[in-house]
Amino acid sequence: MLKEARKEAKLTQEQLAEKAGTKKSYISKIENAKGNIQLSTLIRIFEKGLNRKIGLTFL
């Protein structure tokens, strides 16, 4: 989901990391399902890095 949104925004991992206040390596780990992410960090990446809102549904 993150990788698709980043590509739609025409951003590199490095550009997204800079906008979201994190590191390129962290973005890469998330995109490749190699790392854990806190919900607050995911929201920050989408809101600050991609200028998007994120919605969650719990079933």
C-alpha atoms as a PDB file:
ATOM      1  CA  MET A   1       0.000   0.000   0.000  1.00  0.00           C
ATOM      2  CA  LEU A   2       2.766   2.434   0.913  1.00  0.00           C
ATOM      3  CA  LYS A   3       4.826   1.649  -2.169  1.00  0.00           C
ATOM      4  CA  GLU A   4       1.843   2.204  -4.480  1.00  0.00           C
ATOM      5  CA  ALA A   5       0.986   5.508  -2.809  1.00  0.00           C
ATOM      6  CA  ARG A   6       4.611   6.665  -3.007  1.00  0.00           C
ATOM      7  CA  LYS A   7       4.823   5.824  -6.702  1.00  0.00           C
ATOM      8  CA  GLU A   8       1.516   7.596  -7.405  1.00  0.00           C
ATOM      9  CA  ALA A   9       2.985  10.660  -5.699  1.00  0.00           C
ATOM     10  CA  LYS A  10       6.090  10.303  -7.911  1.00  0.00           C
ATOM     11  CA  LEU A  11       8.425  10.267  -4.923  1.00  0.00           C
ATOM     12  CA  THR A  12      11.547   8.237  -4.319  1.00  0.00           C
ATOM     13  CA  GLN A  13      11.987   6.463  -1.005  1.00  0.00           C
ATOM     14  CA  GLU A  14      14.548   9.088  -0.069  1.00  0.00           C
ATOM     15  CA  GLN A  15      12.190  11.977  -0.872  1.00  0.00           C
ATOM     16  CA  LEU A  16       9.355  10.390   1.090  1.00  0.00           C
ATOM     17  CA  ALA A  17      11.626   9.717   4.062  1.00  0.00           C
ATOM     18  CA  GLU A  18      12.781  13.327   4.109  1.00  0.00           C
ATOM     19  CA  LYS A  19       9.225  14.682   3.992  1.00  0.00           C
ATOM     20  CA  ALA A  20       8.041  12.269   6.692  1.00  0.00           C
ATOM     21  CA  GLY A  21      11.023  12.813   8.978  1.00  0.00           C
ATOM     22  CA  THR A  22      12.432   9.295   8.786  1.00  0.00           C
ATOM     23  CA  LYS A  23      15.153   7.379   6.938  1.00  0.00           C
ATOM     24  CA  LYS A  24      15.137   5.844   3.460  1.00  0.00           C
ATOM     25  CA  SER A  25      16.117   2.480   4.925  1.00  0.00           C
ATOM     26  CA  TYR A  26      13.022   2.557   7.143  1.00  0.00           C
ATOM     27  CA  ILE A  27      10.728   3.282   4.175  1.00  0.00           C
ATOM     28  CA  SER A  28      12.366   0.411   2.290  1.00  0.00           C
ATOM     29  CA  LYS A  29      11.860  -2.016   5.176  1.00  0.00           C
ATOM     30  CA  ILE A  30       8.184  -1.101   5.435  1.00  0.00           C
ATOM     31  CA  GLU A  31       7.601  -1.407   1.694  1.00  0.00           C
ATOM     32  CA  ASN A  32       9.257  -4.827   1.658  1.00  0.00           C
ATOM     33  CA  ALA A  33       7.496  -6.078   4.812  1.00  0.00           C
ATOM     34  CA  LYS A  34      10.851  -6.497   6.580  1.00  0.00           C
ATOM     35  CA  GLY A  35      10.119  -4.297   9.567  1.00  0.00           C
ATOM     36  CA  ASN A  36       7.471  -3.440  12.097  1.00  0.00           C
ATOM     37  CA  ILE A  37       5.784  -0.082  12.082  1.00  0.00           C
ATOM     38  CA  GLN A  38       3.876   1.799  14.735  1.00  0.00           C
ATOM     39  CA  LEU A  39       0.492   3.119  13.727  1.00  0.00           C
ATOM     40  CA  SER A  40       1.541   6.674  14.600  1.00  0.00           C
ATOM     41  CA  THR A  41       4.531   6.392  12.254  1.00  0.00           C
ATOM     42  CA  LEU A  42       2.385   5.038   9.417  1.00  0.00           C
ATOM     43  CA  ILE A  43      -0.036   7.932   9.843  1.00  0.00           C
ATOM     44  CA  ARG A  44       2.848  10.437   9.862  1.00  0.00           C
ATOM     45  CA  ILE A  45       4.312   8.963   6.664  1.00  0.00           C
ATOM     46  CA  PHE A  46       0.969   9.201   4.871  1.00  0.00           C
ATOM     47  CA  GLU A  47      -0.045  12.603   6.216  1.00  0.00           C
ATOM     48  CA  LYS A  48       3.281  14.449   6.129  1.00  0.00           C
ATOM     49  CA  GLY A  49       5.095  12.493   3.444  1.00  0.00           C
ATOM     50  CA  LEU A  50       2.257  11.834   0.999  1.00  0.00           C
ATOM     51  CA  ASN A  51      -0.240  14.519   2.037  1.00  0.00           C
ATOM     52  CA  ARG A  52      -2.958  11.889   2.412  1.00  0.00           C
ATOM     53  CA  LYS A  53      -5.351  10.879   5.143  1.00  0.00           C
ATOM     54  CA  ILE A  54      -5.463   7.282   6.285  1.00  0.00           C
ATOM     55  CA  GLY A  55      -8.584   5.524   7.522  1.00  0.00           C
ATOM     56  CA  LEU A  56      -8.806   2.352   9.556  1.00  0.00           C
ATOM     57  CA  THR A  57     -11.624  -0.110   9.934  1.00  0.00           C
ATOM     58  CA  PHE A  58     -11.728  -2.643  12.734  1.00  0.00           C
ATOM     59  CA  LEU A  59     -13.961  -5.672  12.327  1.00  0.00           C
END
